[in-house]
Amino acid sequence: MHTTHIPLPFAENTLHMVEFDPDSFHEHDLLWLPHHTQLHSSGRKRKAEHLAGRIAAVHALREFGHKNVPGIGVQRQPVWPQDLFGSISHSATTALAVVSTHPIGLDIEAIFTLQMANELVSSIVTNTEKERLANSGLPLEQALTLAFSAKESAFKATQASQQANAGFTQYQIVELQHNQMILRAHSQTYRVQWRFSDNNVLTLATV
């Protein structure tokens, strides 16, 4: 599969972006993954995205002197070295990964259509959160995609033992500023920074 790696400084971290061409994916590309047999039943799209995400993760791990490919955990999450935290996300033809010595979560989402935003709003935010988003000055579709992505990133930055019962309603937006959002859940405070690029929003959560 054809890929291009681009380091992306963001929010005091280095994100590792891999642009990939799904049409150039071949089944034998998966042999690069030690856990390739676990993807046997996955669809072609999923396989290409997974591979691109793990390529990005390997680039991120090299910053910390590791050369291994993160495996797949019991909850389908990436398995990171014991002393590190990391996160992977992908959207269409872009995969991103970040590694840190502290809990961290990363997400990239394509901006919702207005129709999709109106259909999903009540399942993503409370009325109070909706008011905070309205005061941001962002169009509804951008604001709601941002909220969705921020909560996804916060979830990924949550300890695995607390993720099983975690839902969108548990991650509450308590503050919204220019390119920074504060969420609370599980007695934790999450700082989420974001950027809009093309038709996507990128969010990064730290505890």
N, C-alpha and C. Protein backbone atom coordinates (compact mmCIF):
# COMPACT_ATOMS: atom_id res chain seq x y z
N MET A 1 0.85 -1.19 0.00
CA MET A 1 0.00 0.00 0.00
C MET A 1 0.89 1.24 0.00
N HIS A 2 0.53 2.20 -0.81
CA HIS A 2 1.31 3.43 -0.90
C HIS A 2 0.98 4.35 0.27
N THR A 3 2.01 4.76 1.00
CA THR A 3 1.81 5.64 2.14
C THR A 3 2.83 6.77 2.13
N THR A 4 2.48 7.88 2.78
CA THR A 4 3.39 9.01 2.96
C THR A 4 3.31 9.44 4.42
N HIS A 5 4.46 9.53 5.07
CA HIS A 5 4.52 9.88 6.49
C HIS A 5 4.88 11.36 6.66
N ILE A 6 4.12 12.06 7.50
CA ILE A 6 4.35 13.48 7.76
C ILE A 6 4.27 13.74 9.26
N PRO A 7 5.36 14.16 9.91
CA PRO A 7 5.28 14.56 11.32
C PRO A 7 4.50 15.88 11.42
N LEU A 8 3.62 15.97 12.42
CA LEU A 8 2.77 17.14 12.55
C LEU A 8 2.82 17.67 13.99
N PRO A 9 3.58 18.73 14.25
CA PRO A 9 3.60 19.30 15.61
C PRO A 9 2.22 19.86 15.95
N PHE A 10 1.72 19.48 17.14
CA PHE A 10 0.39 19.92 17.53
C PHE A 10 0.23 19.81 19.04
N ALA A 11 -0.18 20.88 19.67
CA ALA A 11 -0.50 20.90 21.09
C ALA A 11 0.62 20.28 21.93
N GLU A 12 1.83 20.73 21.71
CA GLU A 12 3.00 20.30 22.47
C GLU A 12 3.33 18.82 22.28
N ASN A 13 2.82 18.22 21.24
CA ASN A 13 3.12 16.84 20.89
C ASN A 13 3.46 16.77 19.40
N THR A 14 4.02 15.65 19.00
CA THR A 14 4.22 15.40 17.58
C THR A 14 3.27 14.30 17.15
N LEU A 15 2.33 14.66 16.29
CA LEU A 15 1.45 13.66 15.71
C LEU A 15 2.14 13.09 14.48
N HIS A 16 1.90 11.82 14.23
CA HIS A 16 2.48 11.19 13.04
C HIS A 16 1.34 10.86 12.08
N MET A 17 1.32 11.60 10.99
CA MET A 17 0.25 11.47 10.01
C MET A 17 0.73 10.59 8.85
N VAL A 18 -0.09 9.64 8.47
CA VAL A 18 0.19 8.79 7.32
C VAL A 18 -0.95 8.94 6.32
N GLU A 19 -0.64 9.54 5.19
CA GLU A 19 -1.61 9.59 4.09
C GLU A 19 -1.48 8.27 3.32
N PHE A 20 -2.61 7.62 3.03
CA PHE A 20 -2.53 6.33 2.36
C PHE A 20 -3.56 6.22 1.24
N ASP A 21 -3.26 5.35 0.30
CA ASP A 21 -4.14 5.12 -0.85
C ASP A 21 -4.78 3.74 -0.69
N PRO A 22 -6.04 3.70 -0.26
CA PRO A 22 -6.69 2.39 -0.03
C PRO A 22 -6.73 1.52 -1.28
N ASP A 23 -6.80 2.16 -2.46
CA ASP A 23 -6.87 1.38 -3.70
C ASP A 23 -5.58 0.62 -3.98
N SER A 24 -4.48 1.05 -3.34
CA SER A 24 -3.19 0.38 -3.57
C SER A 24 -2.94 -0.73 -2.55
N PHE A 25 -3.91 -0.97 -1.67
CA PHE A 25 -3.75 -2.00 -0.64
C PHE A 25 -3.85 -3.39 -1.24
N HIS A 26 -2.96 -4.27 -0.78
CA HIS A 26 -3.00 -5.69 -1.15
C HIS A 26 -2.97 -6.54 0.12
N GLU A 27 -3.59 -7.69 0.07
CA GLU A 27 -3.68 -8.54 1.25
C GLU A 27 -2.30 -8.86 1.84
N HIS A 28 -1.31 -9.05 0.98
CA HIS A 28 0.01 -9.41 1.49
C HIS A 28 0.67 -8.27 2.27
N ASP A 29 0.14 -7.04 2.13
CA ASP A 29 0.68 -5.92 2.91
C ASP A 29 0.52 -6.17 4.41
N LEU A 30 -0.53 -6.91 4.78
CA LEU A 30 -0.80 -7.16 6.19
C LEU A 30 0.26 -8.05 6.85
N LEU A 31 1.04 -8.77 6.05
CA LEU A 31 2.05 -9.66 6.62
C LEU A 31 3.09 -8.88 7.40
N TRP A 32 3.15 -7.56 7.21
CA TRP A 32 4.06 -6.70 7.97
C TRP A 32 3.64 -6.63 9.44
N LEU A 33 2.37 -6.93 9.72
CA LEU A 33 1.84 -6.87 11.08
C LEU A 33 2.01 -8.21 11.78
N PRO A 34 2.61 -8.25 12.97
CA PRO A 34 2.73 -9.51 13.70
C PRO A 34 1.37 -10.15 14.00
N HIS A 35 0.34 -9.32 14.12
CA HIS A 35 -0.99 -9.84 14.46
C HIS A 35 -1.92 -9.92 13.24
N HIS A 36 -1.35 -10.10 12.07
CA HIS A 36 -2.16 -10.04 10.83
C HIS A 36 -3.27 -11.08 10.79
N THR A 37 -3.08 -12.22 11.47
CA THR A 37 -4.12 -13.26 11.43
C THR A 37 -5.40 -12.81 12.13
N GLN A 38 -5.28 -11.84 13.05
CA GLN A 38 -6.46 -11.34 13.76
C GLN A 38 -7.35 -10.47 12.88
N LEU A 39 -6.84 -10.09 11.71
CA LEU A 39 -7.60 -9.24 10.79
C LEU A 39 -8.20 -10.03 9.64
N HIS A 40 -8.08 -11.34 9.72
CA HIS A 40 -8.49 -12.19 8.58
C HIS A 40 -9.92 -11.94 8.15
N SER A 41 -10.83 -11.75 9.10
CA SER A 41 -12.25 -11.61 8.77
C SER A 41 -12.68 -10.17 8.52
N SER A 42 -11.75 -9.23 8.65
CA SER A 42 -12.08 -7.81 8.45
C SER A 42 -12.24 -7.49 6.96
N GLY A 43 -13.01 -6.43 6.67
CA GLY A 43 -13.18 -6.00 5.30
C GLY A 43 -11.94 -5.28 4.77
N ARG A 44 -11.87 -5.11 3.47
CA ARG A 44 -10.71 -4.48 2.84
C ARG A 44 -10.46 -3.07 3.38
N LYS A 45 -11.53 -2.27 3.53
CA LYS A 45 -11.39 -0.91 4.03
C LYS A 45 -10.79 -0.91 5.44
N ARG A 46 -11.32 -1.75 6.30
CA ARG A 46 -10.83 -1.85 7.68
C ARG A 46 -9.36 -2.26 7.71
N LYS A 47 -8.99 -3.21 6.86
CA LYS A 47 -7.61 -3.68 6.82
C LYS A 47 -6.66 -2.56 6.41
N ALA A 48 -7.04 -1.79 5.40
CA ALA A 48 -6.18 -0.70 4.93
C ALA A 48 -6.04 0.37 6.01
N GLU A 49 -7.15 0.72 6.67
CA GLU A 49 -7.11 1.72 7.73
C GLU A 49 -6.26 1.24 8.91
N HIS A 50 -6.44 -0.01 9.28
CA HIS A 50 -5.69 -0.57 10.41
C HIS A 50 -4.19 -0.54 10.10
N LEU A 51 -3.83 -0.95 8.91
CA LEU A 51 -2.42 -0.97 8.52
C LEU A 51 -1.83 0.43 8.56
N ALA A 52 -2.53 1.40 8.00
CA ALA A 52 -2.04 2.78 7.99
C ALA A 52 -1.89 3.31 9.41
N GLY A 53 -2.85 2.97 10.28
CA GLY A 53 -2.78 3.41 11.67
C GLY A 53 -1.58 2.82 12.39
N ARG A 54 -1.29 1.54 12.14
CA ARG A 54 -0.13 0.92 12.79
C ARG A 54 1.18 1.46 12.22
N ILE A 55 1.21 1.81 10.96
CA ILE A 55 2.41 2.44 10.39
C ILE A 55 2.66 3.78 11.09
N ALA A 56 1.59 4.56 11.27
CA ALA A 56 1.71 5.84 11.98
C ALA A 56 2.19 5.60 13.41
N ALA A 57 1.66 4.55 14.06
CA ALA A 57 2.04 4.25 15.44
C ALA A 57 3.51 3.88 15.57
N VAL A 58 4.02 3.13 14.61
CA VAL A 58 5.43 2.75 14.64
C VAL A 58 6.31 4.00 14.54
N HIS A 59 5.94 4.93 13.68
CA HIS A 59 6.69 6.20 13.58
C HIS A 59 6.65 6.94 14.92
N ALA A 60 5.49 6.94 15.57
CA ALA A 60 5.35 7.64 16.86
C ALA A 60 6.20 6.96 17.93
N LEU A 61 6.23 5.64 17.94
CA LEU A 61 6.99 4.90 18.95
C LEU A 61 8.49 5.07 18.79
N ARG A 62 8.94 5.30 17.57
CA ARG A 62 10.37 5.48 17.33
C ARG A 62 10.91 6.69 18.08
N GLU A 63 10.05 7.69 18.32
CA GLU A 63 10.47 8.85 19.11
C GLU A 63 10.93 8.45 20.50
N PHE A 64 10.41 7.33 21.00
CA PHE A 64 10.69 6.88 22.36
C PHE A 64 11.58 5.64 22.39
N GLY A 65 12.20 5.34 21.25
CA GLY A 65 13.15 4.25 21.20
C GLY A 65 12.56 2.87 21.05
N HIS A 66 11.29 2.78 20.70
CA HIS A 66 10.64 1.48 20.51
C HIS A 66 10.46 1.19 19.02
N LYS A 67 10.56 -0.07 18.66
CA LYS A 67 10.43 -0.46 17.26
C LYS A 67 9.28 -1.45 17.03
N ASN A 68 8.56 -1.78 18.08
CA ASN A 68 7.50 -2.78 17.94
C ASN A 68 6.23 -2.20 17.33
N VAL A 69 5.40 -3.08 16.80
CA VAL A 69 4.09 -2.70 16.26
C VAL A 69 3.05 -2.96 17.35
N PRO A 70 2.24 -1.97 17.74
CA PRO A 70 1.23 -2.21 18.77
C PRO A 70 0.25 -3.31 18.34
N GLY A 71 0.04 -4.26 19.24
CA GLY A 71 -0.91 -5.33 18.95
C GLY A 71 -2.34 -4.89 19.20
N ILE A 72 -3.25 -5.87 19.27
CA ILE A 72 -4.67 -5.59 19.49
C ILE A 72 -5.07 -6.15 20.85
N GLY A 73 -5.60 -5.30 21.73
CA GLY A 73 -6.00 -5.71 23.07
C GLY A 73 -7.35 -6.38 23.09
N VAL A 74 -7.78 -6.79 24.28
CA VAL A 74 -9.03 -7.53 24.42
C VAL A 74 -10.25 -6.67 24.09
N GLN A 75 -10.11 -5.33 24.20
CA GLN A 75 -11.20 -4.43 23.84
C GLN A 75 -10.95 -3.79 22.47
N ARG A 76 -10.11 -4.44 21.68
CA ARG A 76 -9.76 -4.00 20.32
C ARG A 76 -8.90 -2.73 20.31
N GLN A 77 -8.39 -2.34 21.47
CA GLN A 77 -7.56 -1.15 21.56
C GLN A 77 -6.10 -1.49 21.24
N PRO A 78 -5.31 -0.51 20.77
CA PRO A 78 -3.88 -0.76 20.55
C PRO A 78 -3.19 -1.06 21.88
N VAL A 79 -2.23 -1.96 21.86
CA VAL A 79 -1.46 -2.31 23.06
C VAL A 79 -0.11 -1.61 22.99
N TRP A 80 0.12 -0.70 23.93
CA TRP A 80 1.34 0.11 23.93
C TRP A 80 2.35 -0.46 24.92
N PRO A 81 3.64 -0.11 24.77
CA PRO A 81 4.64 -0.51 25.76
C PRO A 81 4.22 -0.05 27.15
N GLN A 82 4.65 -0.78 28.16
CA GLN A 82 4.16 -0.58 29.53
C GLN A 82 4.37 0.84 30.04
N ASP A 83 5.43 1.50 29.62
CA ASP A 83 5.75 2.83 30.15
C ASP A 83 5.19 3.97 29.32
N LEU A 84 4.40 3.64 28.32
CA LEU A 84 3.91 4.68 27.41
C LEU A 84 2.40 4.60 27.19
N PHE A 85 1.84 5.72 26.73
CA PHE A 85 0.43 5.81 26.34
C PHE A 85 0.40 6.25 24.88
N GLY A 86 -0.64 5.86 24.17
CA GLY A 86 -0.74 6.27 22.78
C GLY A 86 -2.16 6.23 22.28
N SER A 87 -2.35 6.71 21.07
CA SER A 87 -3.67 6.75 20.47
C SER A 87 -3.53 6.76 18.95
N ILE A 88 -4.51 6.13 18.28
CA ILE A 88 -4.53 6.05 16.81
C ILE A 88 -5.92 6.46 16.33
N SER A 89 -5.98 7.15 15.21
CA SER A 89 -7.27 7.47 14.60
C SER A 89 -7.09 7.53 13.08
N HIS A 90 -8.18 7.33 12.36
CA HIS A 90 -8.09 7.43 10.91
C HIS A 90 -9.41 7.91 10.33
N SER A 91 -9.33 8.53 9.17
CA SER A 91 -10.51 9.05 8.48
C SER A 91 -10.22 9.06 6.98
N ALA A 92 -10.97 8.26 6.23
CA ALA A 92 -10.84 8.20 4.77
C ALA A 92 -9.43 7.76 4.37
N THR A 93 -8.55 8.71 3.98
CA THR A 93 -7.21 8.36 3.50
C THR A 93 -6.11 8.89 4.42
N THR A 94 -6.46 9.20 5.65
CA THR A 94 -5.49 9.72 6.61
C THR A 94 -5.53 8.92 7.90
N ALA A 95 -4.36 8.53 8.39
CA ALA A 95 -4.24 7.89 9.70
C ALA A 95 -3.30 8.74 10.55
N LEU A 96 -3.58 8.78 11.85
CA LEU A 96 -2.78 9.58 12.77
C LEU A 96 -2.47 8.75 14.01
N ALA A 97 -1.30 8.98 14.59
CA ALA A 97 -0.93 8.34 15.84
C ALA A 97 -0.11 9.29 16.68
N VAL A 98 -0.20 9.12 18.00
CA VAL A 98 0.59 9.92 18.93
C VAL A 98 0.96 9.03 20.11
N VAL A 99 2.15 9.25 20.66
CA VAL A 99 2.61 8.51 21.83
C VAL A 99 3.11 9.51 22.86
N SER A 100 2.87 9.22 24.13
CA SER A 100 3.25 10.13 25.20
C SER A 100 3.57 9.34 26.47
N THR A 101 4.22 10.00 27.41
CA THR A 101 4.46 9.39 28.72
C THR A 101 3.27 9.60 29.65
N HIS A 102 2.24 10.32 29.19
CA HIS A 102 1.04 10.59 29.97
C HIS A 102 -0.19 10.16 29.16
N PRO A 103 -1.32 9.87 29.83
CA PRO A 103 -2.54 9.48 29.11
C PRO A 103 -2.89 10.50 28.03
N ILE A 104 -3.24 10.01 26.86
CA ILE A 104 -3.48 10.89 25.72
C ILE A 104 -4.48 10.23 24.78
N GLY A 105 -5.31 11.02 24.13
CA GLY A 105 -6.29 10.52 23.18
C GLY A 105 -6.32 11.38 21.94
N LEU A 106 -6.49 10.75 20.80
CA LEU A 106 -6.43 11.44 19.50
C LEU A 106 -7.61 11.00 18.65
N ASP A 107 -8.20 11.95 17.92
CA ASP A 107 -9.30 11.60 17.03
C ASP A 107 -9.34 12.54 15.84
N ILE A 108 -9.71 12.00 14.68
CA ILE A 108 -9.96 12.82 13.49
C ILE A 108 -11.31 12.41 12.93
N GLU A 109 -12.13 13.41 12.61
CA GLU A 109 -13.48 13.16 12.10
C GLU A 109 -13.77 14.06 10.91
N ALA A 110 -14.47 13.51 9.93
CA ALA A 110 -14.99 14.32 8.84
C ALA A 110 -16.16 15.15 9.37
N ILE A 111 -16.24 16.41 8.97
CA ILE A 111 -17.30 17.29 9.45
C ILE A 111 -18.67 16.74 9.05
N PHE A 112 -19.58 16.67 10.02
CA PHE A 112 -20.93 16.19 9.75
C PHE A 112 -21.62 17.10 8.73
N THR A 113 -22.55 16.50 8.00
CA THR A 113 -23.47 17.34 7.22
C THR A 113 -24.45 17.97 8.20
N LEU A 114 -25.14 19.02 7.78
CA LEU A 114 -26.11 19.68 8.66
C LEU A 114 -27.22 18.71 9.03
N GLN A 115 -27.67 17.89 8.09
CA GLN A 115 -28.72 16.92 8.37
C GLN A 115 -28.26 15.92 9.43
N MET A 116 -27.04 15.42 9.28
CA MET A 116 -26.51 14.46 10.25
C MET A 116 -26.37 15.10 11.63
N ALA A 117 -25.92 16.36 11.66
CA ALA A 117 -25.78 17.07 12.93
C ALA A 117 -27.12 17.18 13.64
N ASN A 118 -28.15 17.55 12.91
CA ASN A 118 -29.48 17.68 13.51
C ASN A 118 -30.01 16.34 14.02
N GLU A 119 -29.68 15.26 13.34
CA GLU A 119 -30.15 13.94 13.74
C GLU A 119 -29.41 13.41 14.97
N LEU A 120 -28.13 13.79 15.12
CA LEU A 120 -27.30 13.22 16.17
C LEU A 120 -27.16 14.09 17.42
N VAL A 121 -27.57 15.34 17.33
CA VAL A 121 -27.26 16.30 18.40
C VAL A 121 -27.67 15.80 19.79
N SER A 122 -28.87 15.25 19.91
CA SER A 122 -29.36 14.85 21.24
C SER A 122 -28.61 13.64 21.80
N SER A 123 -27.97 12.87 20.96
CA SER A 123 -27.23 11.69 21.43
C SER A 123 -25.77 12.01 21.74
N ILE A 124 -25.33 13.22 21.40
CA ILE A 124 -23.93 13.60 21.61
C ILE A 124 -23.77 14.61 22.74
N VAL A 125 -24.69 15.58 22.83
CA VAL A 125 -24.55 16.63 23.84
C VAL A 125 -25.87 16.86 24.59
N THR A 126 -25.74 17.37 25.81
CA THR A 126 -26.91 17.78 26.59
C THR A 126 -27.33 19.18 26.15
N ASN A 127 -28.47 19.65 26.65
CA ASN A 127 -28.92 21.01 26.31
C ASN A 127 -27.92 22.06 26.78
N THR A 128 -27.33 21.84 27.96
CA THR A 128 -26.34 22.79 28.48
C THR A 128 -25.12 22.83 27.58
N GLU A 129 -24.66 21.66 27.16
CA GLU A 129 -23.50 21.61 26.26
C GLU A 129 -23.84 22.24 24.91
N LYS A 130 -25.06 22.01 24.46
CA LYS A 130 -25.48 22.59 23.19
C LYS A 130 -25.41 24.12 23.24
N GLU A 131 -25.79 24.70 24.39
CA GLU A 131 -25.71 26.15 24.54
C GLU A 131 -24.26 26.63 24.49
N ARG A 132 -23.37 25.88 25.12
CA ARG A 132 -21.96 26.24 25.08
C ARG A 132 -21.43 26.20 23.65
N LEU A 133 -21.84 25.19 22.91
CA LEU A 133 -21.40 25.08 21.52
C LEU A 133 -21.96 26.23 20.68
N ALA A 134 -23.22 26.60 20.95
CA ALA A 134 -23.85 27.70 20.21
C ALA A 134 -23.10 29.01 20.44
N ASN A 135 -22.59 29.19 21.66
CA ASN A 135 -21.86 30.41 21.99
C ASN A 135 -20.46 30.45 21.40
N SER A 136 -20.02 29.33 20.83
CA SER A 136 -18.67 29.29 20.25
C SER A 136 -18.57 30.05 18.94
N GLY A 137 -19.74 30.29 18.30
CA GLY A 137 -19.73 30.97 17.02
C GLY A 137 -19.52 30.04 15.84
N LEU A 138 -19.30 28.74 16.13
CA LEU A 138 -19.13 27.77 15.05
C LEU A 138 -20.47 27.33 14.50
N PRO A 139 -20.56 27.04 13.20
CA PRO A 139 -21.79 26.46 12.65
C PRO A 139 -22.10 25.14 13.37
N LEU A 140 -23.39 24.79 13.44
CA LEU A 140 -23.80 23.60 14.18
C LEU A 140 -23.04 22.36 13.75
N GLU A 141 -22.89 22.16 12.44
CA GLU A 141 -22.25 20.94 11.98
C GLU A 141 -20.79 20.86 12.42
N GLN A 142 -20.08 21.99 12.42
CA GLN A 142 -18.70 22.00 12.90
C GLN A 142 -18.64 21.82 14.41
N ALA A 143 -19.50 22.53 15.13
CA ALA A 143 -19.50 22.47 16.59
C ALA A 143 -19.82 21.07 17.09
N LEU A 144 -20.80 20.42 16.48
CA LEU A 144 -21.19 19.09 16.94
C LEU A 144 -20.13 18.05 16.58
N THR A 145 -19.54 18.17 15.41
CA THR A 145 -18.44 17.27 15.06
C THR A 145 -17.29 17.44 16.04
N LEU A 146 -17.01 18.69 16.40
CA LEU A 146 -15.97 18.97 17.39
C LEU A 146 -16.29 18.30 18.72
N ALA A 147 -17.53 18.44 19.18
CA ALA A 147 -17.93 17.82 20.46
C ALA A 147 -17.79 16.30 20.40
N PHE A 148 -18.26 15.72 19.31
CA PHE A 148 -18.15 14.27 19.12
C PHE A 148 -16.69 13.83 19.17
N SER A 149 -15.84 14.51 18.41
CA SER A 149 -14.43 14.16 18.34
C SER A 149 -13.73 14.36 19.67
N ALA A 150 -14.06 15.46 20.36
CA ALA A 150 -13.44 15.74 21.66
C ALA A 150 -13.78 14.64 22.66
N LYS A 151 -15.02 14.16 22.64
CA LYS A 151 -15.41 13.11 23.57
C LYS A 151 -14.75 11.77 23.20
N GLU A 152 -14.58 11.54 21.91
CA GLU A 152 -13.85 10.35 21.47
C GLU A 152 -12.41 10.40 21.98
N SER A 153 -11.77 11.55 21.84
CA SER A 153 -10.38 11.69 22.30
C SER A 153 -10.28 11.52 23.81
N ALA A 154 -11.23 12.11 24.54
CA ALA A 154 -11.23 11.98 26.00
C ALA A 154 -11.43 10.52 26.41
N PHE A 155 -12.31 9.81 25.69
CA PHE A 155 -12.52 8.39 25.97
C PHE A 155 -11.22 7.61 25.79
N LYS A 156 -10.49 7.90 24.73
CA LYS A 156 -9.24 7.19 24.46
C LYS A 156 -8.17 7.51 25.50
N ALA A 157 -8.29 8.67 26.15
CA ALA A 157 -7.33 9.04 27.19
C ALA A 157 -7.75 8.52 28.56
N THR A 158 -8.88 7.82 28.62
CA THR A 158 -9.39 7.27 29.87
C THR A 158 -8.78 5.90 30.13
N GLN A 159 -8.52 5.60 31.40
CA GLN A 159 -7.98 4.30 31.76
C GLN A 159 -8.88 3.19 31.22
N ALA A 160 -8.25 2.12 30.74
CA ALA A 160 -9.00 1.01 30.13
C ALA A 160 -10.05 0.44 31.09
N SER A 161 -9.74 0.42 32.39
CA SER A 161 -10.67 -0.14 33.36
C SER A 161 -11.94 0.68 33.50
N GLN A 162 -11.90 1.95 33.07
CA GLN A 162 -13.07 2.82 33.17
C GLN A 162 -13.80 2.98 31.84
N GLN A 163 -13.23 2.45 30.76
CA GLN A 163 -13.81 2.64 29.44
C GLN A 163 -15.07 1.81 29.21
N ALA A 164 -15.16 0.64 29.87
CA ALA A 164 -16.24 -0.30 29.59
C ALA A 164 -17.62 0.33 29.75
N ASN A 165 -17.79 1.18 30.75
CA ASN A 165 -19.10 1.78 31.01
C ASN A 165 -19.16 3.26 30.63
N ALA A 166 -18.22 3.70 29.83
CA ALA A 166 -18.15 5.12 29.48
C ALA A 166 -18.97 5.41 28.21
N GLY A 167 -19.83 6.42 28.31
CA GLY A 167 -20.62 6.84 27.16
C GLY A 167 -20.50 8.33 26.95
N PHE A 168 -21.06 8.83 25.87
CA PHE A 168 -20.94 10.25 25.54
C PHE A 168 -21.48 11.15 26.65
N THR A 169 -22.56 10.70 27.31
CA THR A 169 -23.18 11.56 28.32
C THR A 169 -22.31 11.73 29.56
N GLN A 170 -21.36 10.83 29.76
CA GLN A 170 -20.48 10.94 30.93
C GLN A 170 -19.37 11.97 30.73
N TYR A 171 -19.06 12.28 29.49
CA TYR A 171 -18.04 13.28 29.19
C TYR A 171 -18.74 14.62 28.98
N GLN A 172 -18.63 15.48 29.97
CA GLN A 172 -19.34 16.75 29.95
C GLN A 172 -18.41 17.90 29.56
N ILE A 173 -18.85 18.67 28.58
CA ILE A 173 -18.11 19.88 28.19
C ILE A 173 -18.40 20.96 29.23
N VAL A 174 -17.40 21.37 29.97
CA VAL A 174 -17.61 22.36 31.03
C VAL A 174 -17.04 23.73 30.67
N GLU A 175 -16.18 23.76 29.66
CA GLU A 175 -15.61 25.04 29.25
C GLU A 175 -15.21 24.95 27.79
N LEU A 176 -15.43 26.02 27.07
CA LEU A 176 -15.10 26.06 25.64
C LEU A 176 -14.47 27.39 25.31
N GLN A 177 -13.21 27.33 24.87
CA GLN A 177 -12.48 28.53 24.49
C GLN A 177 -11.98 28.37 23.06
N HIS A 178 -11.23 29.36 22.62
CA HIS A 178 -10.65 29.29 21.27
C HIS A 178 -9.70 28.11 21.19
N ASN A 179 -9.98 27.16 20.36
CA ASN A 179 -9.24 25.91 20.10
C ASN A 179 -8.85 25.13 21.35
N GLN A 180 -9.61 25.27 22.43
CA GLN A 180 -9.41 24.45 23.62
C GLN A 180 -10.75 24.21 24.31
N MET A 181 -10.92 22.98 24.79
CA MET A 181 -12.16 22.58 25.46
C MET A 181 -11.81 21.81 26.72
N ILE A 182 -12.55 22.01 27.78
CA ILE A 182 -12.37 21.26 29.02
C ILE A 182 -13.56 20.33 29.21
N LEU A 183 -13.29 19.04 29.40
CA LEU A 183 -14.32 18.05 29.67
C LEU A 183 -14.05 17.41 31.03
N ARG A 184 -15.11 16.92 31.67
CA ARG A 184 -14.95 16.19 32.92
C ARG A 184 -15.72 14.87 32.85
N ALA A 185 -15.08 13.84 33.42
CA ALA A 185 -15.70 12.52 33.53
C ALA A 185 -14.83 11.66 34.44
N HIS A 186 -15.47 10.75 35.16
CA HIS A 186 -14.73 9.80 36.01
C HIS A 186 -13.79 10.51 36.98
N SER A 187 -14.22 11.64 37.52
CA SER A 187 -13.39 12.43 38.45
C SER A 187 -12.10 12.92 37.81
N GLN A 188 -12.08 12.96 36.47
CA GLN A 188 -10.92 13.44 35.74
C GLN A 188 -11.29 14.68 34.93
N THR A 189 -10.31 15.54 34.73
CA THR A 189 -10.48 16.69 33.86
C THR A 189 -9.64 16.46 32.60
N TYR A 190 -10.25 16.64 31.45
CA TYR A 190 -9.57 16.43 30.18
C TYR A 190 -9.44 17.77 29.45
N ARG A 191 -8.24 18.06 29.00
CA ARG A 191 -8.02 19.26 28.19
C ARG A 191 -7.93 18.82 26.74
N VAL A 192 -8.81 19.35 25.93
CA VAL A 192 -8.86 18.96 24.52
C VAL A 192 -8.52 20.16 23.65
N GLN A 193 -7.53 20.00 22.80
CA GLN A 193 -7.20 21.03 21.82
C GLN A 193 -7.56 20.52 20.43
N TRP A 194 -7.86 21.44 19.54
CA TRP A 194 -8.32 21.00 18.23
C TRP A 194 -7.84 21.94 17.13
N ARG A 195 -8.02 21.45 15.91
CA ARG A 195 -7.79 22.26 14.72
C ARG A 195 -8.68 21.73 13.60
N PHE A 196 -9.18 22.63 12.79
CA PHE A 196 -9.93 22.25 11.60
C PHE A 196 -8.98 22.26 10.41
N SER A 197 -9.07 21.24 9.58
CA SER A 197 -8.22 21.15 8.39
C SER A 197 -9.02 20.52 7.27
N ASP A 198 -9.11 21.22 6.15
CA ASP A 198 -9.93 20.76 5.03
C ASP A 198 -11.35 20.50 5.54
N ASN A 199 -11.83 19.28 5.39
CA ASN A 199 -13.20 18.97 5.85
C ASN A 199 -13.17 18.11 7.11
N ASN A 200 -12.07 18.20 7.88
CA ASN A 200 -11.92 17.37 9.07
C ASN A 200 -11.70 18.23 10.30
N VAL A 201 -11.97 17.64 11.46
CA VAL A 201 -11.55 18.25 12.73
C VAL A 201 -10.64 17.23 13.42
N LEU A 202 -9.56 17.73 13.99
CA LEU A 202 -8.60 16.93 14.70
C LEU A 202 -8.59 17.35 16.16
N THR A 203 -8.73 16.38 17.08
CA THR A 203 -8.74 16.71 18.51
C THR A 203 -7.71 15.87 19.24
N LEU A 204 -7.15 16.46 20.30
CA LEU A 204 -6.14 15.77 21.11
C LEU A 204 -6.48 16.04 22.58
N ALA A 205 -6.68 14.96 23.33
CA ALA A 205 -7.06 15.07 24.75
C ALA A 205 -5.93 14.62 25.66
N THR A 206 -5.69 15.40 26.70
CA THR A 206 -4.74 15.02 27.74
C THR A 206 -5.42 15.14 29.09
N VAL A 207 -4.93 14.39 30.06
CA VAL A 207 -5.52 14.38 31.40
C VAL A 207 -4.73 15.33 32.30
